[in-house]
Amino acid sequence: MDKPDKDSKKDKDKEKEKKIDVPPGKHSFECGPTTFIVSEKYEYIKLMGGGAYGVVCAALNKETGQKVAIKKIPNAFDDLIDAKRILREIKLLRFFNHENIVSLVDMEKPEAKTGYNDIYIINDLMETDLHRVIYSKQQLTDDHIQYF
């Protein structure tokens, strides 16, 4: 009988460690190994994957009903070259307006102009990405090529 008490104490200790100061109007949720802190209008759906710069989750914009992908780029300014690449990605996403290119829907504004580390980029939600299509065992058709 002692074991459940010890386990519940460990769980409570872990919860205390995970407590994060969440600004008003925002909420936090776990997406894989990462904690996202975004506007309350975004409701977490599922983990989509991770890449070189961060973790991507699917979410629902409760105000518009649109499904979006939220990319969290942690410690975006630790490496100057990576920071420049991230800025380039944001600029290109803002520039393009084409049905075959994912668009920049929104960005989470940081609480202050300085002192923040994480960047949140909100894009259209796509069912898959080019990497998954190329490396799948499925034969590529003209529709795949046209779509990507």
Protein backbone atom coordinates (compact mmCIF):
# COMPACT_ATOMS: atom_id res chain seq x y z
CA MET A 1 0.00 0.00 0.00
CA ASP A 2 2.94 2.35 0.48
CA LYS A 3 3.94 2.21 -3.16
CA PRO A 4 0.91 4.12 -4.57
CA ASP A 5 1.52 6.94 -2.06
CA LYS A 6 5.14 7.25 -3.16
CA ASP A 7 4.13 7.18 -6.82
CA SER A 8 1.47 9.85 -6.31
CA LYS A 9 4.00 12.01 -4.47
CA LYS A 10 6.43 11.65 -7.39
CA ASP A 11 3.66 12.61 -9.83
CA LYS A 12 2.85 15.72 -7.77
CA ASP A 13 6.54 16.67 -7.68
CA LYS A 14 6.73 16.32 -11.46
CA GLU A 15 3.63 18.51 -11.83
CA LYS A 16 5.24 21.21 -9.68
CA GLU A 17 8.39 21.10 -11.83
CA LYS A 18 6.29 21.48 -14.99
CA LYS A 19 4.42 24.56 -13.68
CA ILE A 20 5.12 27.35 -16.12
CA ASP A 21 4.17 30.99 -15.78
CA VAL A 22 1.45 31.40 -18.42
CA PRO A 23 0.57 35.01 -19.33
CA PRO A 24 -3.09 36.10 -19.34
CA GLY A 25 -4.94 35.20 -22.54
CA LYS A 26 -2.65 32.24 -23.18
CA HIS A 27 -2.63 28.60 -22.13
CA SER A 28 -0.12 25.78 -22.15
CA PHE A 29 -0.31 22.20 -23.35
CA GLU A 30 2.09 19.32 -23.81
CA CYS A 31 2.88 18.32 -27.38
CA GLY A 32 5.29 15.42 -27.38
CA PRO A 33 8.29 16.36 -25.27
CA THR A 34 7.58 20.09 -25.56
CA THR A 35 5.33 22.53 -23.72
CA PHE A 36 3.55 25.02 -25.97
CA ILE A 37 2.32 28.37 -24.63
CA VAL A 38 -0.08 29.91 -27.13
CA SER A 39 -3.22 32.00 -27.34
CA GLU A 40 -6.32 30.49 -25.74
CA LYS A 41 -8.00 30.54 -29.16
CA TYR A 42 -5.88 27.54 -30.21
CA GLU A 43 -7.02 24.11 -29.03
CA TYR A 44 -4.49 21.28 -29.21
CA ILE A 45 -5.42 18.37 -31.52
CA LYS A 46 -2.32 16.20 -31.93
CA LEU A 47 1.43 16.03 -32.43
CA MET A 48 2.32 16.24 -36.12
CA GLY A 49 6.06 15.77 -35.94
CA GLY A 50 9.38 17.40 -35.38
CA GLY A 51 12.08 18.78 -37.54
CA ALA A 52 15.45 20.45 -37.49
CA TYR A 53 14.13 23.58 -35.81
CA GLY A 54 11.24 22.48 -33.66
CA VAL A 55 8.07 20.57 -32.93
CA VAL A 56 4.82 20.89 -34.89
CA CYS A 57 1.35 20.21 -33.55
CA ALA A 58 -2.10 20.41 -35.08
CA ALA A 59 -4.54 22.79 -33.44
CA LEU A 60 -7.99 24.23 -33.96
CA ASN A 61 -8.56 27.98 -34.05
CA LYS A 62 -11.73 28.15 -31.95
CA GLU A 63 -12.59 31.62 -33.29
CA THR A 64 -12.54 30.70 -36.99
CA GLY A 65 -12.88 26.90 -36.91
CA GLN A 66 -9.73 26.60 -39.05
CA LYS A 67 -7.31 23.75 -38.40
CA VAL A 68 -3.74 25.02 -38.21
CA ALA A 69 -0.22 23.75 -37.64
CA ILE A 70 1.73 25.43 -34.85
CA LYS A 71 5.50 25.18 -35.06
CA LYS A 72 7.41 25.93 -31.88
CA ILE A 73 11.02 26.89 -32.43
CA PRO A 74 12.68 26.75 -29.00
CA ASN A 75 15.77 28.82 -28.26
CA ALA A 76 15.51 30.42 -31.69
CA PHE A 77 18.30 32.89 -31.03
CA ASP A 78 20.95 30.56 -29.64
CA ASP A 79 22.65 30.16 -33.01
CA LEU A 80 23.00 33.18 -35.31
CA ILE A 81 22.88 31.15 -38.55
CA ASP A 82 19.73 29.29 -37.44
CA ALA A 83 18.12 32.58 -36.38
CA LYS A 84 18.77 34.01 -39.85
CA ARG A 85 17.27 30.91 -41.48
CA ILE A 86 14.19 31.16 -39.30
CA LEU A 87 13.79 34.83 -40.19
CA ARG A 88 14.16 33.95 -43.89
CA GLU A 89 11.46 31.28 -43.56
CA ILE A 90 9.08 33.77 -41.94
CA LYS A 91 9.74 36.40 -44.62
CA LEU A 92 9.18 33.90 -47.44
CA LEU A 93 5.98 32.57 -45.88
CA ARG A 94 4.65 36.13 -45.57
CA PHE A 95 5.53 36.86 -49.19
CA PHE A 96 4.02 33.82 -50.92
CA ASN A 97 0.32 33.68 -51.67
CA HIS A 98 -0.30 30.55 -53.75
CA GLU A 99 -2.65 27.58 -53.42
CA ASN A 100 0.24 25.10 -53.61
CA ILE A 101 2.38 26.78 -50.95
CA VAL A 102 1.57 26.63 -47.26
CA SER A 103 0.81 30.11 -45.95
CA LEU A 104 1.64 31.94 -42.77
CA VAL A 105 -1.63 32.26 -40.87
CA ASP A 106 -0.37 33.95 -37.72
CA MET A 107 2.52 34.29 -35.31
CA GLU A 108 2.31 34.34 -31.54
CA LYS A 109 3.41 37.75 -30.31
CA PRO A 110 5.86 37.57 -27.40
CA GLU A 111 4.99 39.33 -24.15
CA ALA A 112 7.96 41.71 -24.47
CA LYS A 113 10.24 42.93 -27.25
CA THR A 114 13.23 41.34 -25.53
CA GLY A 115 13.86 38.41 -23.23
CA TYR A 116 11.94 35.73 -25.10
CA ASN A 117 13.48 32.58 -26.61
CA ASP A 118 10.72 30.67 -28.37
CA ILE A 119 9.00 31.50 -31.65
CA TYR A 120 5.58 30.14 -32.62
CA ILE A 121 4.67 30.06 -36.31
CA ILE A 122 1.08 29.23 -37.24
CA ASN A 123 0.56 27.80 -40.75
CA ASP A 124 -2.20 26.10 -42.70
CA LEU A 125 -2.55 22.47 -41.62
CA MET A 126 -1.55 19.97 -44.29
CA GLU A 127 -2.29 16.26 -44.07
CA THR A 128 1.25 15.28 -44.99
CA ASP A 129 4.52 16.76 -46.15
CA LEU A 130 6.82 16.23 -49.09
CA HIS A 131 9.30 14.18 -47.06
CA ARG A 132 6.64 11.60 -46.13
CA VAL A 133 5.42 11.35 -49.73
CA ILE A 134 8.90 10.84 -51.16
CA TYR A 135 9.88 8.18 -48.62
CA SER A 136 6.58 6.28 -48.65
CA LYS A 137 6.39 2.95 -50.46
CA GLN A 138 3.49 4.25 -52.54
CA GLN A 139 4.19 4.84 -56.23
CA LEU A 140 4.22 8.56 -57.08
CA THR A 141 1.48 9.53 -59.51
CA ASP A 142 0.98 12.66 -61.63
CA ASP A 143 -1.44 13.88 -58.92
CA HIS A 144 1.33 13.67 -56.31
CA ILE A 145 3.71 15.57 -58.53
CA GLN A 146 1.13 18.24 -59.30
CA TYR A 147 0.14 18.54 -55.63
CA PHE A 148 3.71 18.98 -54.45
